[in-house]
């Protein structure tokens, strides 16, 4: 049984090398296509900035209330 597996592995190595070589050559021969649709970059930037501003605003408003809530919870745990 060992001889069969050794023969298979020895025979499969050149086959795998040939397949890898074919893929490399095929990728170099194929023309590179340009992606002309790059998307709406300024729109995504605006959405990201608006989301960050909204989170910062909510955090500024909610921080004192969350701090008080935490302090009340910790005082109840300490009793």
N, C-alpha and C. Protein backbone atom coordinates (compact mmCIF):
# COMPACT_ATOMS: atom_id res chain seq x y z
N UNK A 1 0.82 -1.20 0.00
CA UNK A 1 0.00 0.00 0.00
C UNK A 1 0.86 1.26 0.00
N UNK A 2 2.02 1.23 0.69
CA UNK A 2 2.89 2.39 0.72
C UNK A 2 3.44 2.72 -0.66
N UNK A 3 3.72 1.68 -1.44
CA UNK A 3 4.27 1.91 -2.78
C UNK A 3 3.26 2.63 -3.67
N UNK A 4 1.99 2.31 -3.52
CA UNK A 4 0.96 2.95 -4.33
C UNK A 4 0.86 4.42 -3.97
N UNK A 5 0.87 4.76 -2.69
CA UNK A 5 0.77 6.16 -2.29
C UNK A 5 2.01 6.93 -2.68
N UNK A 6 3.19 6.31 -2.60
CA UNK A 6 4.41 6.98 -3.03
C UNK A 6 4.37 7.26 -4.52
N UNK A 7 3.87 6.32 -5.29
CA UNK A 7 3.78 6.52 -6.74
C UNK A 7 2.78 7.62 -7.08
N UNK A 8 1.68 7.65 -6.35
CA UNK A 8 0.68 8.69 -6.61
C UNK A 8 1.22 10.06 -6.28
N UNK A 9 1.90 10.17 -5.14
CA UNK A 9 2.43 11.48 -4.77
C UNK A 9 3.55 11.91 -5.70
N UNK A 10 4.38 10.95 -6.15
CA UNK A 10 5.45 11.27 -7.08
C UNK A 10 4.89 11.65 -8.45
N UNK A 11 3.78 11.05 -8.84
CA UNK A 11 3.19 11.37 -10.14
C UNK A 11 2.37 12.65 -10.08
N UNK A 12 1.84 12.98 -8.91
CA UNK A 12 0.99 14.17 -8.83
C UNK A 12 1.80 15.46 -8.75
N UNK A 13 3.04 15.40 -8.29
CA UNK A 13 3.86 16.60 -8.18
C UNK A 13 4.10 17.28 -9.53
N UNK A 14 4.53 16.57 -10.56
CA UNK A 14 4.69 17.25 -11.86
C UNK A 14 3.36 17.77 -12.41
N UNK A 15 2.30 17.05 -12.15
CA UNK A 15 0.99 17.50 -12.62
C UNK A 15 0.59 18.80 -11.95
N UNK A 16 0.80 18.91 -10.67
CA UNK A 16 0.48 20.14 -9.95
C UNK A 16 1.36 21.30 -10.42
N UNK A 17 2.63 21.00 -10.69
CA UNK A 17 3.53 22.04 -11.20
C UNK A 17 3.07 22.54 -12.57
N UNK A 18 2.62 21.63 -13.41
CA UNK A 18 2.12 22.03 -14.74
C UNK A 18 0.87 22.87 -14.62
N UNK A 19 -0.02 22.49 -13.71
CA UNK A 19 -1.24 23.28 -13.52
C UNK A 19 -0.92 24.67 -13.01
N UNK A 20 0.01 24.76 -12.07
CA UNK A 20 0.40 26.07 -11.54
C UNK A 20 1.03 26.93 -12.63
N UNK A 21 1.87 26.33 -13.45
CA UNK A 21 2.50 27.06 -14.55
C UNK A 21 1.46 27.54 -15.55
N UNK A 22 0.47 26.71 -15.84
CA UNK A 22 -0.60 27.11 -16.76
C UNK A 22 -1.36 28.31 -16.21
N UNK A 23 -1.67 28.31 -14.94
CA UNK A 23 -2.41 29.42 -14.34
C UNK A 23 -1.59 30.70 -14.40
N UNK A 24 -0.31 30.62 -14.09
CA UNK A 24 0.55 31.80 -14.13
C UNK A 24 0.63 32.37 -15.53
N UNK A 25 0.81 31.51 -16.52
CA UNK A 25 0.89 31.98 -17.91
C UNK A 25 -0.44 32.56 -18.36
N UNK A 26 -1.54 31.92 -18.00
CA UNK A 26 -2.86 32.41 -18.40
C UNK A 26 -3.14 33.77 -17.80
N UNK A 27 -2.74 34.01 -16.57
CA UNK A 27 -2.97 35.31 -15.94
C UNK A 27 -2.13 36.40 -16.57
N UNK A 28 -0.95 36.05 -17.05
CA UNK A 28 -0.11 37.06 -17.69
C UNK A 28 -0.56 37.36 -19.12
N UNK A 29 -1.12 36.38 -19.79
CA UNK A 29 -1.51 36.55 -21.19
C UNK A 29 -2.83 37.31 -21.29
N UNK A 30 -3.75 37.07 -20.37
CA UNK A 30 -5.06 37.72 -20.43
C UNK A 30 -4.90 39.23 -20.27
N UNK A 31 -5.64 40.00 -21.05
CA UNK A 31 -5.53 41.46 -20.91
C UNK A 31 -6.14 41.92 -19.60
N UNK A 32 -5.50 42.89 -19.00
CA UNK A 32 -6.01 43.45 -17.75
C UNK A 32 -7.15 44.42 -18.07
N UNK A 33 -8.27 44.21 -17.43
CA UNK A 33 -9.40 45.10 -17.69
C UNK A 33 -9.40 46.22 -16.66
N UNK A 34 -9.78 47.38 -17.11
CA UNK A 34 -9.84 48.53 -16.23
C UNK A 34 -11.23 48.62 -15.63
N UNK A 35 -11.29 48.90 -14.36
CA UNK A 35 -12.57 49.03 -13.67
C UNK A 35 -12.96 50.50 -13.71
N UNK A 36 -13.83 50.84 -14.62
CA UNK A 36 -14.20 52.24 -14.81
C UNK A 36 -15.23 52.71 -13.79
N UNK A 37 -15.99 51.79 -13.20
CA UNK A 37 -16.96 52.16 -12.18
C UNK A 37 -16.30 52.03 -10.82
N UNK A 38 -15.81 53.14 -10.33
CA UNK A 38 -15.11 53.12 -9.05
C UNK A 38 -16.02 53.47 -7.90
N UNK A 39 -17.24 53.89 -8.18
CA UNK A 39 -18.17 54.21 -7.11
C UNK A 39 -18.21 55.69 -6.80
N UNK A 40 -19.09 56.02 -5.91
CA UNK A 40 -19.29 57.40 -5.52
C UNK A 40 -18.51 57.66 -4.24
N UNK A 41 -17.22 57.96 -4.36
CA UNK A 41 -16.37 58.12 -3.19
C UNK A 41 -16.80 59.30 -2.33
N UNK A 42 -17.08 60.48 -2.87
CA UNK A 42 -17.51 61.59 -2.00
C UNK A 42 -18.80 61.29 -1.24
N UNK A 43 -19.70 60.53 -1.84
CA UNK A 43 -20.93 60.17 -1.15
C UNK A 43 -20.66 59.29 0.05
N UNK A 44 -19.76 58.31 -0.11
CA UNK A 44 -19.42 57.44 1.02
C UNK A 44 -18.69 58.20 2.11
N UNK A 45 -17.86 59.15 1.72
CA UNK A 45 -17.16 59.96 2.72
C UNK A 45 -18.17 60.78 3.51
N UNK A 46 -19.15 61.37 2.82
CA UNK A 46 -20.15 62.18 3.51
C UNK A 46 -21.00 61.33 4.46
N UNK A 47 -21.38 60.13 4.03
CA UNK A 47 -22.16 59.25 4.89
C UNK A 47 -21.35 58.86 6.13
N UNK A 48 -20.07 58.57 5.96
CA UNK A 48 -19.22 58.20 7.08
C UNK A 48 -19.06 59.36 8.06
N UNK A 49 -18.82 60.56 7.53
CA UNK A 49 -18.67 61.72 8.40
C UNK A 49 -19.97 62.04 9.14
N UNK A 50 -21.09 61.96 8.45
CA UNK A 50 -22.37 62.24 9.10
C UNK A 50 -22.65 61.22 10.20
N UNK A 51 -22.32 59.96 9.96
CA UNK A 51 -22.52 58.94 10.99
C UNK A 51 -21.62 59.20 12.20
N UNK A 52 -20.38 59.59 11.95
CA UNK A 52 -19.46 59.88 13.05
C UNK A 52 -19.93 61.08 13.85
N UNK A 53 -20.42 62.11 13.18
CA UNK A 53 -20.93 63.29 13.88
C UNK A 53 -22.17 62.94 14.70
N UNK A 54 -23.04 62.12 14.14
CA UNK A 54 -24.25 61.70 14.86
C UNK A 54 -23.89 60.91 16.12
N UNK A 55 -22.94 59.98 16.01
CA UNK A 55 -22.51 59.20 17.17
C UNK A 55 -21.87 60.10 18.22
N UNK A 56 -21.02 61.03 17.79
CA UNK A 56 -20.38 61.94 18.74
C UNK A 56 -21.41 62.82 19.44
N UNK A 57 -22.42 63.28 18.71
CA UNK A 57 -23.47 64.10 19.32
C UNK A 57 -24.28 63.32 20.35
N UNK A 58 -24.68 62.10 19.99
CA UNK A 58 -25.43 61.27 20.93
C UNK A 58 -24.60 60.92 22.15
N UNK A 59 -23.32 60.68 21.95
CA UNK A 59 -22.44 60.36 23.06
C UNK A 59 -22.28 61.56 23.99
N UNK A 60 -22.18 62.75 23.42
CA UNK A 60 -22.05 63.96 24.25
C UNK A 60 -23.30 64.19 25.08
N UNK A 61 -24.46 63.90 24.50
CA UNK A 61 -25.72 64.09 25.23
C UNK A 61 -25.91 63.00 26.27
N UNK A 62 -25.59 61.77 25.95
CA UNK A 62 -25.89 60.63 26.82
C UNK A 62 -24.82 60.36 27.87
N UNK A 63 -23.63 60.93 27.76
CA UNK A 63 -22.56 60.62 28.70
C UNK A 63 -22.92 60.96 30.15
N UNK A 64 -23.47 62.15 30.44
CA UNK A 64 -23.82 62.42 31.85
C UNK A 64 -24.89 61.47 32.39
N UNK A 65 -25.89 61.16 31.59
CA UNK A 65 -26.94 60.26 32.04
C UNK A 65 -26.39 58.85 32.27
N UNK A 66 -25.53 58.39 31.38
CA UNK A 66 -24.94 57.06 31.55
C UNK A 66 -24.00 57.03 32.76
N UNK A 67 -23.29 58.12 33.02
CA UNK A 67 -22.43 58.20 34.19
C UNK A 67 -23.23 58.12 35.48
N UNK A 68 -24.34 58.87 35.53
CA UNK A 68 -25.21 58.81 36.71
C UNK A 68 -25.80 57.42 36.90
N UNK A 69 -26.23 56.81 35.82
CA UNK A 69 -26.79 55.46 35.89
C UNK A 69 -25.75 54.46 36.42
N UNK A 70 -24.52 54.60 35.96
CA UNK A 70 -23.44 53.71 36.43
C UNK A 70 -23.16 53.93 37.91
N UNK A 71 -23.10 55.19 38.32
CA UNK A 71 -22.83 55.49 39.73
C UNK A 71 -23.94 54.96 40.63
N UNK A 72 -25.21 55.08 40.22
CA UNK A 72 -26.32 54.56 41.00
C UNK A 72 -26.23 53.02 41.11
N UNK A 73 -25.89 52.38 40.01
CA UNK A 73 -25.78 50.92 40.03
C UNK A 73 -24.64 50.47 40.94
N UNK A 74 -23.52 51.16 40.92
CA UNK A 74 -22.40 50.78 41.75
C UNK A 74 -22.69 51.03 43.24
N UNK A 75 -23.45 52.09 43.52
CA UNK A 75 -23.80 52.35 44.93
C UNK A 75 -24.76 51.29 45.46
N UNK A 76 -25.64 50.77 44.61
CA UNK A 76 -26.57 49.71 45.04
C UNK A 76 -25.81 48.40 45.24
N UNK A 77 -24.81 48.14 44.46
CA UNK A 77 -24.03 46.92 44.59
C UNK A 77 -23.21 46.97 45.87
N UNK A 78 -22.73 48.12 46.24
CA UNK A 78 -21.89 48.27 47.43
C UNK A 78 -22.67 48.11 48.73
N UNK A 79 -23.98 48.23 48.71
CA UNK A 79 -24.77 48.14 49.95
C UNK A 79 -25.00 46.75 50.40
